Amino acid sequence: MARSPGLIVALDTADPSQAAAWAARLAPHAGLFKLGLEFFIANGPAGVRAFGQPVFLDLKLHDIPATVAGAVRASLPLAPRLLTVHATGGGAMVAAARRAAEAAGEDRPRILAVTVLTSLDDQALAATGIAARAADHVLRLAGLALAAGADGLVCSPHEVALLRSAFGEAPLLVVPGIRPRGAEVQDQARTMSPAEAGAAGADWIVVGRPITAAADPAAAAAAIRREMAAATG
């Protein structure tokens, strides 16, 4: 089902001043800001707390269930809206993350299971010993994670329609690998335009460098919002 997804801007920097400057310029256009490992390793929980904007905390937690549950509990004072774990950690790990998140009540972070990274394609997966096509592997991991209590999934835009067909409208689908028309693909292997991702059924799209590396980041973000709005009428 086509929709106009929300825009998450990925702030891929270790510099809190740079992240704050981007956020100040982009707040009118972004529904959330993604802070990932680069920012978190450099600045820790204090950096997230000081950031002061609605956050998608993309830590891609992947460990034994007890350790992941502890990490989720430790994140709750930061009040992230979304928090990622790797679906390849297994159903018990995803379930432990969900139970830990529920300690925060209705305002808990939504647990997103990362399926297959957008930098990987069929050939790259085969090199790791996974014979299945990327789409089939995503579908398998998605079913495992959702059955274990994940609120949604992180997937490439190429799998959005497949996941909607398999699991309906309920899962929250957060989609990186978005490149506006004419933008460089860079290290992404499975990409689509913002409008194509919305047409496929994404709830949120995640865009980083095409916005933050633009000469005018706010104008780049506004153009993406216009593209999505035009595509959905």
Protein backbone atom coordinates (compact mmCIF):
# COMPACT_ATOMS: atom_id res chain seq x y z
CA MET A 1 0.00 0.00 0.00
CA ALA A 2 1.48 3.31 -1.08
CA ARG A 3 2.09 5.84 1.66
CA SER A 4 4.10 8.96 2.38
CA PRO A 5 6.73 7.68 4.81
CA GLY A 6 8.33 9.73 7.53
CA LEU A 7 11.90 10.92 7.04
CA ILE A 8 14.67 9.81 9.38
CA VAL A 9 17.95 11.64 8.84
CA ALA A 10 21.04 9.59 9.68
CA LEU A 11 23.62 11.74 11.44
CA ASP A 12 26.75 9.70 10.79
CA THR A 13 29.33 11.62 12.77
CA ALA A 14 31.32 11.28 15.98
CA ASP A 15 31.16 15.04 16.54
CA PRO A 16 28.25 16.11 18.78
CA SER A 17 28.55 19.71 17.62
CA GLN A 18 28.17 18.64 14.01
CA ALA A 19 25.21 16.44 14.89
CA ALA A 20 23.54 19.32 16.75
CA ALA A 21 24.17 21.72 13.85
CA TRP A 22 22.63 19.33 11.35
CA ALA A 23 19.66 18.70 13.64
CA ALA A 24 18.99 22.41 14.08
CA ARG A 25 18.84 22.90 10.30
CA LEU A 26 16.90 19.74 9.55
CA ALA A 27 14.36 19.61 12.39
CA PRO A 28 11.56 21.12 10.24
CA HIS A 29 11.96 18.29 7.73
CA ALA A 30 12.86 15.22 9.83
CA GLY A 31 10.56 13.14 11.96
CA LEU A 32 13.49 11.47 13.73
CA PHE A 33 17.27 11.57 13.76
CA LYS A 34 19.30 8.38 13.63
CA LEU A 35 22.31 8.13 15.91
CA GLY A 36 24.37 5.04 15.31
CA LEU A 37 27.52 3.34 16.47
CA GLU A 38 29.89 6.08 15.34
CA PHE A 39 28.15 8.68 17.49
CA PHE A 40 27.46 6.34 20.40
CA ILE A 41 31.00 4.97 20.70
CA ALA A 42 32.43 8.48 20.65
CA ASN A 43 29.96 10.13 23.02
CA GLY A 44 28.13 7.42 24.94
CA PRO A 45 24.74 7.78 26.63
CA ALA A 46 25.61 11.31 27.76
CA GLY A 47 25.96 12.36 24.14
CA VAL A 48 22.55 10.96 23.24
CA ARG A 49 21.01 12.63 26.27
CA ALA A 50 22.57 15.99 25.39
CA PHE A 51 21.45 15.74 21.75
CA GLY A 52 17.94 16.67 22.80
CA GLN A 53 16.01 15.56 19.71
CA PRO A 54 13.76 12.54 19.03
CA VAL A 55 16.15 9.68 18.34
CA PHE A 56 16.30 6.43 16.44
CA LEU A 57 19.12 4.70 18.32
CA ASP A 58 20.65 2.35 15.77
CA LEU A 59 22.99 0.16 17.81
CA LYS A 60 22.16 -3.15 16.09
CA LEU A 61 22.46 -5.11 19.34
CA HIS A 62 23.56 -8.72 18.82
CA ASP A 63 24.62 -10.89 21.74
CA ILE A 64 23.21 -13.53 24.08
CA PRO A 65 19.66 -12.73 25.25
CA ALA A 66 20.63 -11.64 28.77
CA THR A 67 23.25 -9.21 27.51
CA VAL A 68 20.93 -7.68 24.91
CA ALA A 69 18.16 -7.34 27.50
CA GLY A 70 20.59 -5.54 29.79
CA ALA A 71 21.64 -3.21 26.99
CA VAL A 72 18.01 -2.39 26.19
CA ARG A 73 17.30 -1.65 29.86
CA ALA A 74 20.37 0.60 29.97
CA SER A 75 19.03 2.54 26.97
CA LEU A 76 15.62 3.29 28.47
CA PRO A 77 16.65 6.51 30.31
CA LEU A 78 17.67 7.90 26.89
CA ALA A 79 14.07 7.48 25.66
CA PRO A 80 14.86 6.39 22.10
CA ARG A 81 11.79 6.12 19.92
CA LEU A 82 13.26 3.21 17.95
CA LEU A 83 16.03 0.77 18.87
CA THR A 84 17.62 -1.90 16.68
CA VAL A 85 18.71 -5.47 17.30
CA HIS A 86 20.00 -7.99 14.75
CA ALA A 87 17.41 -10.59 13.76
CA THR A 88 20.26 -13.07 13.31
CA GLY A 89 20.61 -13.10 17.11
CA GLY A 90 17.61 -15.43 17.16
CA GLY A 91 14.10 -15.43 18.52
CA ALA A 92 15.10 -15.70 22.18
CA MET A 93 17.32 -12.63 21.86
CA VAL A 94 14.60 -10.58 20.14
CA ALA A 95 12.06 -11.65 22.75
CA ALA A 96 14.43 -10.64 25.55
CA ALA A 97 14.88 -7.21 23.96
CA ARG A 98 11.11 -6.73 23.71
CA ARG A 99 10.54 -7.74 27.35
CA ALA A 100 13.25 -5.37 28.52
CA ALA A 101 11.78 -2.50 26.49
CA GLU A 102 8.35 -3.03 28.05
CA ALA A 103 9.72 -1.83 31.39
CA ALA A 104 9.31 1.70 30.00
CA GLY A 105 5.55 1.28 29.53
CA GLU A 106 3.65 2.93 26.70
CA ASP A 107 6.56 5.21 25.86
CA ARG A 108 8.94 2.29 25.39
CA PRO A 109 11.26 2.18 22.40
CA ARG A 110 9.91 0.18 19.49
CA ILE A 111 12.20 -2.78 18.83
CA LEU A 112 13.27 -3.10 15.21
CA ALA A 113 14.96 -6.24 13.94
CA VAL A 114 17.63 -5.68 11.30
CA THR A 115 17.26 -8.32 8.59
CA VAL A 116 19.97 -8.09 5.91
CA LEU A 117 22.20 -5.02 5.75
CA THR A 118 21.65 -2.88 2.66
CA SER A 119 25.36 -3.14 1.85
CA LEU A 120 24.93 -6.89 1.20
CA ASP A 121 23.64 -8.55 -1.97
CA ASP A 122 23.22 -12.20 -2.95
CA GLN A 123 26.91 -12.59 -3.76
CA ALA A 124 28.03 -11.04 -0.47
CA LEU A 125 25.67 -13.27 1.49
CA ALA A 126 26.98 -16.34 -0.32
CA ALA A 127 30.51 -15.39 0.74
CA THR A 128 29.35 -15.63 4.38
CA GLY A 129 27.91 -19.10 3.85
CA ILE A 130 24.27 -18.11 3.30
CA ALA A 131 23.07 -19.76 0.10
CA ALA A 132 19.62 -18.13 0.07
CA ARG A 133 18.86 -15.08 -2.00
CA ALA A 134 18.81 -11.85 0.01
CA ALA A 135 15.03 -11.54 -0.35
CA ASP A 136 14.43 -15.07 0.90
CA HIS A 137 16.81 -14.59 3.83
CA VAL A 138 15.07 -11.33 4.77
CA LEU A 139 11.70 -13.09 4.74
CA ARG A 140 12.95 -15.88 6.99
CA LEU A 141 14.56 -13.51 9.49
CA ALA A 142 11.51 -11.23 9.46
CA GLY A 143 9.17 -14.07 10.35
CA LEU A 144 11.43 -15.19 13.19
CA ALA A 145 11.78 -11.67 14.63
CA LEU A 146 8.11 -10.72 14.40
CA ALA A 147 7.04 -13.99 16.00
CA ALA A 148 9.43 -13.18 18.87
CA GLY A 149 7.86 -9.78 19.48
CA ALA A 150 9.73 -7.30 17.32
CA ASP A 151 7.62 -4.23 16.56
CA GLY A 152 9.07 -3.90 13.12
CA LEU A 153 11.93 -4.49 10.76
CA VAL A 154 14.83 -2.73 9.12
CA CYS A 155 15.05 -3.87 5.52
CA SER A 156 16.21 -2.65 2.15
CA PRO A 157 13.58 -0.99 -0.05
CA HIS A 158 13.68 -4.01 -2.34
CA GLU A 159 12.03 -6.18 0.32
CA VAL A 160 9.30 -3.78 1.49
CA ALA A 161 6.57 -5.01 -0.86
CA LEU A 162 7.49 -8.63 -0.13
CA LEU A 163 7.24 -8.05 3.62
CA ARG A 164 3.93 -6.21 3.32
CA SER A 165 2.55 -9.12 1.30
CA ALA A 166 3.77 -11.65 3.86
CA PHE A 167 3.01 -9.83 7.12
CA GLY A 168 0.44 -7.16 6.31
CA GLU A 169 0.26 -3.60 7.57
CA ALA A 170 1.15 -4.19 11.23
CA PRO A 171 4.98 -4.33 11.20
CA LEU A 172 6.78 -1.01 11.29
CA LEU A 173 9.08 -0.99 8.25
CA VAL A 174 12.10 1.29 8.49
CA VAL A 175 14.02 1.46 5.25
CA PRO A 176 17.60 2.59 4.67
CA GLY A 177 19.32 2.31 1.30
CA ILE A 178 17.39 5.32 0.03
CA ARG A 179 19.01 7.37 -2.70
CA PRO A 180 17.21 10.30 -4.37
CA ARG A 181 17.29 10.15 -8.14
CA GLY A 182 20.73 11.19 -9.39
CA ALA A 183 22.48 10.55 -6.06
CA GLU A 184 25.50 8.24 -5.83
CA VAL A 185 24.80 4.72 -4.55
CA GLN A 186 28.10 4.73 -2.56
CA ASP A 187 28.40 1.60 -0.35
CA GLN A 188 24.74 0.60 -0.66
CA ALA A 189 23.95 -2.49 -2.75
CA ARG A 190 20.12 -2.54 -2.67
CA THR A 191 18.65 0.94 -3.12
CA MET A 192 15.51 2.76 -4.27
CA SER A 193 14.33 6.33 -4.53
CA PRO A 194 12.21 7.85 -1.71
CA ALA A 195 9.09 7.75 -3.86
CA GLU A 196 9.62 4.11 -4.81
CA ALA A 197 10.07 3.11 -1.16
CA GLY A 198 6.86 4.91 -0.21
CA ALA A 199 4.98 3.25 -3.04
CA ALA A 200 6.18 -0.14 -1.81
CA GLY A 201 4.85 0.51 1.72
CA ALA A 202 7.69 1.89 3.87
CA ASP A 203 6.70 3.61 7.12
CA TRP A 204 10.00 5.45 7.49
CA ILE A 205 12.88 6.02 5.11
CA VAL A 206 16.41 6.63 6.38
CA VAL A 207 18.62 9.05 4.44
CA GLY A 208 22.09 10.13 5.50
CA ARG A 209 24.80 11.35 3.17
CA PRO A 210 22.54 12.57 0.33
CA ILE A 211 21.26 15.09 2.91
CA THR A 212 24.15 15.73 5.28
CA ALA A 213 26.78 15.95 2.52
CA ALA A 214 24.66 18.27 0.36
CA ALA A 215 25.67 21.88 -0.09
CA ASP A 216 22.33 22.81 1.50
CA PRO A 217 21.16 19.93 3.73
CA ALA A 218 17.80 21.55 4.51
CA ALA A 219 17.03 22.01 0.82
CA ALA A 220 18.01 18.40 0.11
CA ALA A 221 15.71 17.14 2.88
CA ALA A 222 12.87 19.35 1.68
CA ALA A 223 13.27 18.02 -1.86
CA ILE A 224 12.98 14.45 -0.60
CA ARG A 225 9.82 15.32 1.30
CA ARG A 226 8.35 16.93 -1.83
CA GLU A 227 9.22 13.87 -3.92
CA MET A 228 7.44 11.56 -1.49
CA ALA A 229 4.39 13.82 -1.22
CA ALA A 230 4.08 14.11 -5.00
CA ALA A 231 4.28 10.34 -5.42
CA THR A 232 1.37 9.72 -3.04
CA GLY A 233 -0.81 12.47 -4.42
